[in-house]
PDB file of N, CA and C in Angstrom:
ATOM      1  N   MET A   1     -20.321 -19.885   7.072  1.00  0.00           N
ATOM      2  CA  MET A   1     -20.189 -19.234   8.415  1.00  0.00           C
ATOM      3  C   MET A   1     -19.033 -18.423   8.391  1.00  0.00           C
ATOM      4  N   ALA A   2     -18.169 -19.537   8.581  1.00  0.00           N
ATOM      5  CA  ALA A   2     -17.015 -19.007   8.939  1.00  0.00           C
ATOM      6  C   ALA A   2     -16.058 -18.307   7.673  1.00  0.00           C
ATOM      7  N   THR A   3     -16.259 -18.443   6.587  1.00  0.00           N
ATOM      8  CA  THR A   3     -16.084 -17.570   5.621  1.00  0.00           C
ATOM      9  C   THR A   3     -16.704 -16.190   5.363  1.00  0.00           C
ATOM     10  N   ILE A   4     -17.645 -16.188   6.256  1.00  0.00           N
ATOM     11  CA  ILE A   4     -18.431 -14.638   5.745  1.00  0.00           C
ATOM     12  C   ILE A   4     -17.115 -13.884   7.101  1.00  0.00           C
ATOM     13  N   GLU A   5     -17.189 -14.839   8.062  1.00  0.00           N
ATOM     14  CA  GLU A   5     -16.447 -14.162   9.152  1.00  0.00           C
ATOM     15  C   GLU A   5     -14.713 -13.680   9.055  1.00  0.00           C
ATOM     16  N   VAL A   6     -14.593 -14.207   8.058  1.00  0.00           N
ATOM     17  CA  VAL A   6     -12.864 -14.128   8.076  1.00  0.00           C
ATOM     18  C   VAL A   6     -13.591 -12.717   6.820  1.00  0.00           C
ATOM     19  N   GLU A   7     -14.073 -13.039   6.597  1.00  0.00           N
ATOM     20  CA  GLU A   7     -13.917 -11.781   4.820  1.00  0.00           C
ATOM     21  C   GLU A   7     -13.985 -10.587   5.120  1.00  0.00           C
ATOM     22  N   LYS A   8     -15.223 -10.855   6.916  1.00  0.00           N
ATOM     23  CA  LYS A   8     -15.782  -9.363   7.804  1.00  0.00           C
ATOM     24  C   LYS A   8     -14.194  -9.196   7.937  1.00  0.00           C
ATOM     25  N   SER A   9     -13.683  -9.464   9.178  1.00  0.00           N
ATOM     26  CA  SER A   9     -12.646  -9.593  10.250  1.00  0.00           C
ATOM     27  C   SER A   9     -11.359  -8.565   9.038  1.00  0.00           C
ATOM     28  N   THR A  10     -11.482  -9.739   8.016  1.00  0.00           N
ATOM     29  CA  THR A  10      -9.751  -8.451   7.545  1.00  0.00           C
ATOM     30  C   THR A  10     -10.411  -7.249   6.632  1.00  0.00           C
ATOM     31  N   LYS A  11     -11.960  -7.367   5.709  1.00  0.00           N
ATOM     32  CA  LYS A  11     -12.134  -5.867   5.924  1.00  0.00           C
ATOM     33  C   LYS A  11     -12.267  -4.755   6.721  1.00  0.00           C
ATOM     34  N   GLU A  12     -12.561  -5.353   8.389  1.00  0.00           N
ATOM     35  CA  GLU A  12     -12.526  -4.507   9.140  1.00  0.00           C
ATOM     36  C   GLU A  12     -11.113  -4.245   9.766  1.00  0.00           C
ATOM     37  N   ARG A  13      -9.757  -5.010   9.611  1.00  0.00           N
ATOM     38  CA  ARG A  13      -8.534  -4.674   9.516  1.00  0.00           C
ATOM     39  C   ARG A  13      -7.884  -4.241   8.966  1.00  0.00           C
ATOM     40  N   LEU A  14      -8.493  -3.702   7.419  1.00  0.00           N
ATOM     41  CA  LEU A  14      -8.326  -3.180   6.616  1.00  0.00           C
ATOM     42  C   LEU A  14      -8.767  -1.793   6.580  1.00  0.00           C
ATOM     43  N   ILE A  15      -9.697  -1.610   7.077  1.00  0.00           N
ATOM     44  CA  ILE A  15     -10.314  -0.302   7.631  1.00  0.00           C
ATOM     45  C   ILE A  15      -9.245   0.517   8.031  1.00  0.00           C
ATOM     46  N   ARG A  16      -8.719  -0.749   9.528  1.00  0.00           N
ATOM     47  CA  ARG A  16      -8.470   0.029  10.854  1.00  0.00           C
ATOM     48  C   ARG A  16      -7.202   0.450  10.096  1.00  0.00           C
ATOM     49  N   LEU A  17      -6.199  -0.822   8.897  1.00  0.00           N
ATOM     50  CA  LEU A  17      -4.777  -0.809   8.680  1.00  0.00           C
ATOM     51  C   LEU A  17      -4.652   1.396   7.669  1.00  0.00           C
ATOM     52  N   GLY A  18      -5.653   1.036   7.107  1.00  0.00           N
ATOM     53  CA  GLY A  18      -5.227   3.012   6.103  1.00  0.00           C
ATOM     54  C   GLY A  18      -6.160   3.620   7.030  1.00  0.00           C
ATOM     55  N   GLY A  19      -6.696   4.007   8.910  1.00  0.00           N
ATOM     56  CA  GLY A  19      -6.923   4.741   9.379  1.00  0.00           C
ATOM     57  C   GLY A  19      -8.177   5.353   8.310  1.00  0.00           C
ATOM     58  N   ALA A  20      -9.426   4.804   7.827  1.00  0.00           N
ATOM     59  CA  ALA A  20     -10.397   5.342   6.830  1.00  0.00           C
ATOM     60  C   ALA A  20     -11.361   4.850   7.694  1.00  0.00           C
ATOM     61  N   SER A  21     -12.400   5.711   7.422  1.00  0.00           N
ATOM     62  CA  SER A  21     -13.745   5.387   7.321  1.00  0.00           C
ATOM     63  C   SER A  21     -14.369   4.248   6.237  1.00  0.00           C
ATOM     64  N   SER A  22     -14.066   4.096   5.076  1.00  0.00           N
ATOM     65  CA  SER A  22     -14.907   2.936   4.763  1.00  0.00           C
ATOM     66  C   SER A  22     -13.546   1.972   4.186  1.00  0.00           C
ATOM     67  N   LEU A  23     -13.506   0.757   3.739  1.00  0.00           N
ATOM     68  CA  LEU A  23     -12.816   0.239   2.977  1.00  0.00           C
ATOM     69  C   LEU A  23     -13.091   0.602   0.912  1.00  0.00           C
ATOM     70  N   ASP A  24     -13.451   1.635   0.813  1.00  0.00           N
ATOM     71  CA  ASP A  24     -13.005   2.289  -0.860  1.00  0.00           C
ATOM     72  C   ASP A  24     -11.958   3.261   0.138  1.00  0.00           C
ATOM     73  N   GLU A  25     -12.367   4.238   0.872  1.00  0.00           N
ATOM     74  CA  GLU A  25     -11.307   4.739   1.200  1.00  0.00           C
ATOM     75  C   GLU A  25     -10.366   4.585   1.665  1.00  0.00           C
ATOM     76  N   THR A  26     -10.235   3.723   2.387  1.00  0.00           N
ATOM     77  CA  THR A  26      -8.593   2.321   2.480  1.00  0.00           C
ATOM     78  C   THR A  26      -8.078   1.722   1.428  1.00  0.00           C
ATOM     79  N   ILE A  27      -8.571   1.715   1.079  1.00  0.00           N
ATOM     80  CA  ILE A  27      -8.219   1.024  -0.450  1.00  0.00           C
ATOM     81  C   ILE A  27      -7.835   2.535  -1.332  1.00  0.00           C
ATOM     82  N   ARG A  28      -8.481   2.911  -1.238  1.00  0.00           N
ATOM     83  CA  ARG A  28      -8.121   3.918  -2.418  1.00  0.00           C
ATOM     84  C   ARG A  28      -6.271   5.247  -1.294  1.00  0.00           C
ATOM     85  N   SER A  29      -6.268   4.540  -0.444  1.00  0.00           N
ATOM     86  CA  SER A  29      -5.293   5.291   0.548  1.00  0.00           C
ATOM     87  C   SER A  29      -4.085   3.869   0.198  1.00  0.00           C
ATOM     88  N   LEU A  30      -4.149   2.866   0.239  1.00  0.00           N
ATOM     89  CA  LEU A  30      -3.393   2.270   0.060  1.00  0.00           C
ATOM     90  C   LEU A  30      -2.638   1.580  -1.709  1.00  0.00           C
ATOM     91  N   MET A  31      -3.789   2.645  -2.819  1.00  0.00           N
ATOM     92  CA  MET A  31      -3.606   2.342  -3.422  1.00  0.00           C
ATOM     93  C   MET A  31      -2.410   3.757  -4.328  1.00  0.00           C
ATOM     94  N   LYS A  32      -2.380   4.716  -3.001  1.00  0.00           N
ATOM     95  CA  LYS A  32      -1.668   5.686  -3.455  1.00  0.00           C
ATOM     96  C   LYS A  32      -0.026   5.348  -2.371  1.00  0.00           C
ATOM     97  N   GLN A  33      -0.135   4.750  -1.691  1.00  0.00           N
ATOM     98  CA  GLN A  33       0.731   4.786  -0.867  1.00  0.00           C
ATOM     99  C   GLN A  33       1.621   3.553  -1.325  1.00  0.00           C
ATOM    100  N   ALA A  34       1.638   2.785  -2.588  1.00  0.00           N
ATOM    101  CA  ALA A  34       1.986   1.505  -2.906  1.00  0.00           C
ATOM    102  C   ALA A  34       2.159   2.158  -4.278  1.00  0.00           C
ATOM    103  N   LYS A  35       2.094   3.391  -5.329  1.00  0.00           N
ATOM    104  CA  LYS A  35       2.673   4.558  -6.148  1.00  0.00           C
ATOM    105  C   LYS A  35       3.052   5.138  -5.432  1.00  0.00           C
ATOM    106  N   GLU A  36       3.255   5.965  -4.357  1.00  0.00           N
ATOM    107  CA  GLU A  36       4.574   6.513  -4.252  1.00  0.00           C
ATOM    108  C   GLU A  36       5.723   5.578  -3.372  1.00  0.00           C
ATOM    109  N   LEU A  37       5.137   4.572  -3.135  1.00  0.00           N
ATOM    110  CA  LEU A  37       6.940   3.572  -2.735  1.00  0.00           C
ATOM    111  C   LEU A  37       6.865   3.015  -4.261  1.00  0.00           C
ATOM    112  N   ALA A  38       6.481   2.397  -5.297  1.00  0.00           N
ATOM    113  CA  ALA A  38       7.352   2.558  -6.249  1.00  0.00           C
ATOM    114  C   ALA A  38       8.073   3.523  -7.258  1.00  0.00           C
ATOM    115  N   GLU A  39       7.272   4.959  -7.167  1.00  0.00           N
ATOM    116  CA  GLU A  39       8.089   6.316  -7.824  1.00  0.00           C
ATOM    117  C   GLU A  39       9.587   5.903  -7.121  1.00  0.00           C
ATOM    118  N   TYR A  40       9.631   6.215  -6.092  1.00  0.00           N
ATOM    119  CA  TYR A  40      10.231   6.431  -4.626  1.00  0.00           C
ATOM    120  C   TYR A  40      11.127   5.224  -5.259  1.00  0.00           C
ATOM    121  N   LYS A  41      11.206   3.692  -5.672  1.00  0.00           N
ATOM    122  CA  LYS A  41      12.280   3.457  -5.709  1.00  0.00           C
ATOM    123  C   LYS A  41      12.823   3.173  -7.125  1.00  0.00           C
ATOM    124  N   ALA A  42      11.171   3.470  -7.868  1.00  0.00           N
ATOM    125  CA  ALA A  42      11.948   4.167  -9.435  1.00  0.00           C
ATOM    126  C   ALA A  42      13.301   5.327  -8.864  1.00  0.00           C
ATOM    127  N   GLU A  43      13.293   5.945  -8.332  1.00  0.00           N
ATOM    128  CA  GLU A  43      14.242   7.456  -8.351  1.00  0.00           C
ATOM    129  C   GLU A  43      15.713   7.033  -7.306  1.00  0.00           C
ATOM    130  N   SER A  44      15.135   5.925  -6.260  1.00  0.00           N
ATOM    131  CA  SER A  44      16.031   5.607  -5.886  1.00  0.00           C
ATOM    132  C   SER A  44      17.249   4.900  -7.022  1.00  0.00           C
ATOM    133  N   GLN A  45      16.447   4.108  -7.608  1.00  0.00           N
ATOM    134  CA  GLN A  45      17.333   2.620  -8.621  1.00  0.00           C
ATOM    135  C   GLN A  45      18.087   3.981  -9.516  1.00  0.00           C
ATOM    136  N   TYR A  46      16.978   5.097 -10.042  1.00  0.00           N
ATOM    137  CA  TYR A  46      18.312   5.859 -11.232  1.00  0.00           C
ATOM    138  C   TYR A  46      19.191   6.281 -10.387  1.00  0.00           C
ATOM    139  N   ILE A  47      19.950   6.924  -9.586  1.00  0.00           N
ATOM    140  CA  ILE A  47      20.370   7.512  -8.257  1.00  0.00           C
ATOM    141  C   ILE A  47      21.450   6.436  -8.291  1.00  0.00           C
ATOM    142  N   PHE A  48      21.122   5.562  -8.171  1.00  0.00           N
ATOM    143  CA  PHE A  48      22.051   4.358  -8.351  1.00  0.00           C
ATOM    144  C   PHE A  48      22.510   4.068  -9.034  1.00  0.00           C
ATOM    145  N   ASP A  49      21.743   4.128 -10.031  1.00  0.00           N
ATOM    146  CA  ASP A  49      22.849   3.809 -11.540  1.00  0.00           C
ATOM    147  C   ASP A  49      23.047   4.733 -11.973  1.00  0.00           C
ATOM    148  N   SER A  50      23.016   5.988 -11.457  1.00  0.00           N
ATOM    149  CA  SER A  50      24.301   7.656 -12.225  1.00  0.00           C
ATOM    150  C   SER A  50      25.467   7.549 -11.299  1.00  0.00           C
ATOM    151  N   LEU A  51      25.641   6.436 -10.078  1.00  0.00           N
ATOM    152  CA  LEU A  51      26.614   6.998  -9.561  1.00  0.00           C
ATOM    153  C   LEU A  51      27.634   6.065 -10.220  1.00  0.00           C
ATOM    154  N   PRO A  52      28.847   6.642  -9.960  1.00  0.00           N
ATOM    155  CA  PRO A  52      30.331   5.800 -11.019  1.00  0.00           C
ATOM    156  C   PRO A  52      30.871   5.180 -10.057  1.00  0.00           C
ATOM    157  N   ARG A  53      31.059   3.644 -11.145  1.00  0.00           N
ATOM    158  CA  ARG A  53      31.843   2.580 -10.837  1.00  0.00           C
ATOM    159  C   ARG A  53      32.287   3.181 -10.657  1.00  0.00           C
ATOM    160  N   ALA A  54      33.304   1.616  -9.489  1.00  0.00           N
ATOM    161  CA  ALA A  54      34.344   1.583  -9.151  1.00  0.00           C
ATOM    162  C   ALA A  54      36.087   0.654 -10.059  1.00  0.00           C
TER     163      ALA A  54
END
């Protein structure tokens, strides 16, 4: 019974975290944010690598 309560609690926190009405919507939102963060990191690394070295 404790495992089920933990899983439900985690699901509810994920829904609140994403500000979504369902777990699927929250997961989609988090995946989109992860993709955007990865793109930002790649762009930042490209800019950093383009800077002249002393």
